[in-house]
N, C-alpha and C. Protein backbone atom coordinates (compact mmCIF):
# COMPACT_ATOMS: atom_id res chain seq x y z
N MET A 1 157.49 113.23 179.09
CA MET A 1 156.89 112.10 178.39
C MET A 1 155.38 112.21 178.46
N TYR A 2 154.76 111.79 177.42
CA TYR A 2 153.31 111.83 177.38
C TYR A 2 152.79 110.43 177.11
N SER A 3 151.58 110.16 177.58
CA SER A 3 150.96 108.87 177.30
C SER A 3 150.79 108.73 175.80
N GLN A 4 150.93 107.53 175.31
CA GLN A 4 150.77 107.26 173.89
C GLN A 4 149.40 106.67 173.65
N ILE A 5 148.80 107.07 172.53
CA ILE A 5 147.50 106.53 172.17
C ILE A 5 147.70 105.15 171.55
N LEU A 6 147.00 104.18 172.07
CA LEU A 6 147.08 102.81 171.56
C LEU A 6 145.91 102.54 170.63
N GLU A 7 145.94 101.38 170.01
CA GLU A 7 144.82 100.98 169.16
C GLU A 7 143.52 101.03 169.94
N GLU A 8 142.44 101.24 169.26
CA GLU A 8 141.10 101.32 169.83
C GLU A 8 140.94 102.51 170.77
N ASP A 9 141.72 103.55 170.55
CA ASP A 9 141.63 104.79 171.33
C ASP A 9 141.82 104.62 172.83
N CYS A 10 142.55 103.58 173.25
CA CYS A 10 142.86 103.40 174.67
C CYS A 10 144.15 104.17 174.97
N VAL A 11 144.24 104.72 176.15
CA VAL A 11 145.44 105.45 176.54
C VAL A 11 146.28 104.55 177.44
N LYS A 12 147.54 104.39 177.08
CA LYS A 12 148.45 103.58 177.88
C LYS A 12 148.93 104.40 179.07
N GLU A 13 148.88 103.82 180.24
CA GLU A 13 149.34 104.50 181.44
C GLU A 13 150.87 104.55 181.46
N GLN A 14 151.41 105.67 181.84
CA GLN A 14 152.86 105.83 181.94
C GLN A 14 153.38 105.02 183.11
N VAL A 15 154.51 104.33 182.93
CA VAL A 15 155.09 103.58 184.04
C VAL A 15 156.03 104.45 184.87
N VAL A 16 156.45 105.58 184.33
CA VAL A 16 157.15 106.60 185.13
C VAL A 16 156.54 107.95 184.78
N ILE A 17 156.44 108.80 185.78
CA ILE A 17 155.94 110.16 185.59
C ILE A 17 157.12 111.09 185.80
N ILE A 18 157.35 111.96 184.85
CA ILE A 18 158.52 112.83 184.88
C ILE A 18 158.07 114.27 185.06
N GLU A 19 158.66 114.94 186.05
CA GLU A 19 158.32 116.33 186.34
C GLU A 19 159.59 117.13 186.60
N ARG A 20 159.50 118.41 186.39
CA ARG A 20 160.57 119.33 186.75
C ARG A 20 159.99 120.31 187.78
N VAL A 21 160.64 120.42 188.92
CA VAL A 21 160.23 121.37 189.96
C VAL A 21 161.44 122.26 190.22
N GLY A 22 161.46 123.41 189.56
CA GLY A 22 162.64 124.26 189.65
C GLY A 22 163.83 123.54 189.06
N ARG A 23 164.89 123.40 189.85
CA ARG A 23 166.10 122.71 189.39
C ARG A 23 166.11 121.23 189.76
N VAL A 24 164.97 120.73 190.20
CA VAL A 24 164.86 119.33 190.62
C VAL A 24 164.10 118.53 189.57
N GLY A 25 164.71 117.44 189.12
CA GLY A 25 164.03 116.50 188.25
C GLY A 25 163.40 115.42 189.11
N VAL A 26 162.10 115.22 188.97
CA VAL A 26 161.39 114.23 189.79
C VAL A 26 160.89 113.12 188.88
N ILE A 27 161.26 111.90 189.20
CA ILE A 27 160.81 110.72 188.46
C ILE A 27 160.02 109.86 189.44
N THR A 28 158.74 109.65 189.14
CA THR A 28 157.88 108.87 190.03
C THR A 28 157.54 107.55 189.36
N LEU A 29 157.85 106.45 190.05
CA LEU A 29 157.48 105.12 189.55
C LEU A 29 155.96 105.02 189.59
N ASN A 30 155.35 104.48 188.53
CA ASN A 30 153.89 104.51 188.43
C ASN A 30 153.32 103.17 187.98
N ARG A 31 153.50 102.16 188.81
CA ARG A 31 152.84 100.87 188.61
C ARG A 31 152.18 100.49 189.94
N PRO A 32 151.25 101.30 190.43
CA PRO A 32 150.71 101.11 191.78
C PRO A 32 149.99 99.79 191.98
N LYS A 33 149.38 99.23 190.95
CA LYS A 33 148.65 97.97 191.11
C LYS A 33 149.56 96.81 191.48
N VAL A 34 150.85 96.92 191.10
CA VAL A 34 151.82 95.86 191.44
C VAL A 34 152.93 96.41 192.34
N LEU A 35 152.58 97.45 193.11
CA LEU A 35 153.50 98.07 194.06
C LEU A 35 154.82 98.48 193.41
N ASN A 36 154.72 98.99 192.18
CA ASN A 36 155.88 99.45 191.41
C ASN A 36 156.93 98.37 191.18
N ALA A 37 156.47 97.13 191.03
CA ALA A 37 157.41 96.04 190.73
C ALA A 37 158.19 96.39 189.47
N LEU A 38 159.47 96.13 189.49
CA LEU A 38 160.36 96.53 188.42
C LEU A 38 160.32 95.53 187.26
N ASN A 39 160.04 96.05 186.08
CA ASN A 39 160.11 95.24 184.87
C ASN A 39 160.96 95.97 183.85
N ASP A 40 161.19 95.34 182.71
CA ASP A 40 162.06 95.96 181.71
C ASP A 40 161.53 97.30 181.23
N GLU A 41 160.23 97.41 181.01
CA GLU A 41 159.65 98.67 180.53
C GLU A 41 159.92 99.81 181.52
N LEU A 42 159.64 99.56 182.80
CA LEU A 42 159.86 100.59 183.81
C LEU A 42 161.33 100.95 183.90
N MET A 43 162.19 99.95 183.91
CA MET A 43 163.62 100.21 184.04
C MET A 43 164.16 100.98 182.83
N ASN A 44 163.69 100.66 181.63
CA ASN A 44 164.14 101.38 180.44
C ASN A 44 163.70 102.83 180.48
N GLU A 45 162.45 103.07 180.87
CA GLU A 45 161.96 104.45 180.96
C GLU A 45 162.64 105.22 182.09
N LEU A 46 162.89 104.56 183.19
CA LEU A 46 163.61 105.20 184.28
C LEU A 46 165.01 105.59 183.83
N GLY A 47 165.69 104.67 183.16
CA GLY A 47 167.05 104.96 182.66
C GLY A 47 167.06 106.11 181.68
N ALA A 48 166.08 106.15 180.77
CA ALA A 48 166.00 107.25 179.80
C ALA A 48 165.75 108.58 180.49
N ALA A 49 164.89 108.59 181.51
CA ALA A 49 164.61 109.81 182.25
C ALA A 49 165.84 110.29 183.02
N LEU A 50 166.56 109.35 183.62
CA LEU A 50 167.79 109.72 184.34
C LEU A 50 168.81 110.34 183.40
N LEU A 51 168.98 109.74 182.23
CA LEU A 51 169.93 110.29 181.26
C LEU A 51 169.51 111.67 180.79
N ALA A 52 168.22 111.85 180.54
CA ALA A 52 167.72 113.15 180.08
C ALA A 52 167.95 114.23 181.14
N PHE A 53 167.63 113.92 182.39
CA PHE A 53 167.85 114.89 183.45
C PHE A 53 169.34 115.16 183.66
N ASP A 54 170.15 114.12 183.57
CA ASP A 54 171.59 114.27 183.75
C ASP A 54 172.20 115.17 182.68
N ALA A 55 171.66 115.11 181.48
CA ALA A 55 172.17 115.92 180.37
C ALA A 55 171.69 117.37 180.43
N ASP A 56 170.72 117.66 181.27
CA ASP A 56 170.11 118.98 181.36
C ASP A 56 170.88 119.82 182.39
N ASP A 57 171.58 120.84 181.93
CA ASP A 57 172.36 121.69 182.84
C ASP A 57 171.51 122.46 183.84
N GLU A 58 170.22 122.57 183.59
CA GLU A 58 169.32 123.29 184.49
C GLU A 58 168.87 122.42 185.67
N ILE A 59 169.14 121.13 185.61
CA ILE A 59 168.76 120.21 186.70
C ILE A 59 169.94 120.04 187.64
N GLY A 60 169.73 120.32 188.91
CA GLY A 60 170.78 120.18 189.92
C GLY A 60 170.65 118.93 190.76
N THR A 61 169.43 118.39 190.85
CA THR A 61 169.16 117.21 191.68
C THR A 61 168.11 116.36 190.99
N ILE A 62 168.24 115.05 191.13
CA ILE A 62 167.23 114.12 190.61
C ILE A 62 166.67 113.33 191.78
N VAL A 63 165.34 113.30 191.89
CA VAL A 63 164.66 112.54 192.94
C VAL A 63 163.86 111.43 192.27
N ILE A 64 164.01 110.22 192.77
CA ILE A 64 163.19 109.09 192.31
C ILE A 64 162.22 108.77 193.43
N ALA A 65 160.92 108.81 193.10
CA ALA A 65 159.87 108.61 194.11
C ALA A 65 159.02 107.40 193.75
N GLY A 66 158.37 106.85 194.75
CA GLY A 66 157.44 105.75 194.55
C GLY A 66 156.02 106.23 194.75
N SER A 67 155.13 105.28 194.94
CA SER A 67 153.73 105.61 195.19
C SER A 67 153.47 105.65 196.69
N PRO A 68 152.29 106.09 197.11
CA PRO A 68 152.00 106.15 198.55
C PRO A 68 152.13 104.80 199.27
N ARG A 69 151.83 103.70 198.57
CA ARG A 69 151.88 102.39 199.23
C ARG A 69 153.25 101.75 199.23
N ALA A 70 154.07 102.04 198.20
CA ALA A 70 155.37 101.38 198.11
C ALA A 70 156.30 102.16 197.19
N PHE A 71 157.57 102.17 197.55
CA PHE A 71 158.55 102.75 196.62
C PHE A 71 158.68 101.79 195.44
N ALA A 72 159.12 100.57 195.69
CA ALA A 72 159.20 99.52 194.67
C ALA A 72 159.25 98.18 195.39
N ALA A 73 158.46 97.25 194.91
CA ALA A 73 158.38 95.93 195.54
C ALA A 73 159.56 95.04 195.19
N GLY A 74 160.37 95.45 194.25
CA GLY A 74 161.47 94.62 193.76
C GLY A 74 161.15 94.17 192.35
N ALA A 75 161.82 93.13 191.90
CA ALA A 75 161.61 92.64 190.54
C ALA A 75 160.20 92.09 190.37
N ASP A 76 159.65 92.29 189.19
CA ASP A 76 158.32 91.78 188.87
C ASP A 76 158.44 90.28 188.58
N VAL A 77 158.25 89.47 189.61
CA VAL A 77 158.45 88.03 189.49
C VAL A 77 157.44 87.37 188.55
N SER A 78 156.30 88.02 188.31
CA SER A 78 155.33 87.42 187.38
C SER A 78 155.91 87.35 185.97
N ALA A 79 156.84 88.23 185.64
CA ALA A 79 157.48 88.19 184.33
C ALA A 79 158.45 87.03 184.21
N MET A 80 158.87 86.49 185.36
CA MET A 80 159.84 85.39 185.37
C MET A 80 159.21 84.06 185.78
N ALA A 81 157.90 84.00 185.88
CA ALA A 81 157.21 82.84 186.45
C ALA A 81 157.58 81.52 185.77
N ASP A 82 157.77 81.53 184.48
CA ASP A 82 158.06 80.30 183.76
C ASP A 82 159.55 80.09 183.50
N TRP A 83 160.39 80.89 184.09
CA TRP A 83 161.83 80.79 183.87
C TRP A 83 162.46 79.86 184.90
N SER A 84 163.55 79.23 184.52
CA SER A 84 164.33 78.44 185.47
C SER A 84 165.30 79.38 186.18
N TYR A 85 165.95 78.87 187.21
CA TYR A 85 166.93 79.69 187.92
C TYR A 85 168.01 80.18 186.97
N SER A 86 168.51 79.27 186.13
CA SER A 86 169.59 79.67 185.22
C SER A 86 169.10 80.68 184.17
N ASP A 87 167.83 80.59 183.76
CA ASP A 87 167.27 81.59 182.83
C ASP A 87 167.32 82.98 183.46
N VAL A 88 166.90 83.06 184.70
CA VAL A 88 166.89 84.34 185.41
C VAL A 88 168.32 84.84 185.60
N TYR A 89 169.19 83.96 186.02
CA TYR A 89 170.58 84.33 186.29
C TYR A 89 171.28 84.87 185.04
N ARG A 90 171.05 84.20 183.90
CA ARG A 90 171.74 84.58 182.66
C ARG A 90 171.07 85.72 181.90
N SER A 91 169.84 86.03 182.24
CA SER A 91 169.13 87.08 181.49
C SER A 91 169.59 88.46 181.91
N ASN A 92 169.15 89.44 181.18
CA ASN A 92 169.41 90.84 181.53
C ASN A 92 168.17 91.47 182.11
N PHE A 93 167.33 90.68 182.76
CA PHE A 93 166.07 91.17 183.31
C PHE A 93 166.31 92.31 184.28
N VAL A 94 165.66 93.42 184.03
CA VAL A 94 165.73 94.67 184.80
C VAL A 94 167.15 95.12 185.15
N THR A 95 168.11 94.83 184.29
CA THR A 95 169.48 95.29 184.57
C THR A 95 169.89 96.45 183.68
N GLY A 96 169.04 96.87 182.77
CA GLY A 96 169.38 97.97 181.87
C GLY A 96 169.69 99.25 182.61
N ILE A 97 169.05 99.47 183.74
CA ILE A 97 169.27 100.71 184.48
C ILE A 97 170.71 100.81 184.99
N GLY A 98 171.30 99.70 185.34
CA GLY A 98 172.68 99.72 185.80
C GLY A 98 173.63 100.23 184.73
N LYS A 99 173.41 99.80 183.52
CA LYS A 99 174.26 100.24 182.42
C LYS A 99 174.06 101.72 182.17
N ARG A 100 172.83 102.19 182.26
CA ARG A 100 172.56 103.60 182.00
C ARG A 100 173.06 104.47 183.14
N SER A 101 172.81 104.08 184.38
CA SER A 101 173.20 104.94 185.49
C SER A 101 174.72 105.01 185.61
N ASP A 102 175.44 103.99 185.15
CA ASP A 102 176.90 104.05 185.18
C ASP A 102 177.42 105.16 184.29
N MET A 103 176.64 105.57 183.28
CA MET A 103 177.06 106.61 182.36
C MET A 103 176.81 108.00 182.92
N SER A 104 176.08 108.12 183.99
CA SER A 104 175.74 109.42 184.54
C SER A 104 176.98 110.12 185.09
N ALA A 105 177.10 111.38 184.76
CA ALA A 105 178.22 112.17 185.27
C ALA A 105 177.96 112.72 186.65
N SER A 106 176.69 112.77 187.05
CA SER A 106 176.32 113.34 188.34
C SER A 106 176.46 112.30 189.44
N PRO A 107 176.84 112.74 190.64
CA PRO A 107 176.94 111.80 191.77
C PRO A 107 175.58 111.35 192.22
């Protein structure tokens, strides 16, 4: 994955960094300012990277890494600040990865 150019020539920072090291697929969470708090964007990109590595016969292992300060702080509660308990409970907030990882053929 590559950073996408946004309007006004600003570069959007990747929320996951994807690398291949030999037969190892490495996915690094990259939201260090919020200790890699999980939001829908990060979870969607993580799920897509997992599926891509899983489909690649040259990948034998997938490693998910965090930043030096934190692996992941948990859900990004700032995205839910104005929600009620029932809104959070009924939403699909950061649950997309579960649906994607269930499709993985690799243990």
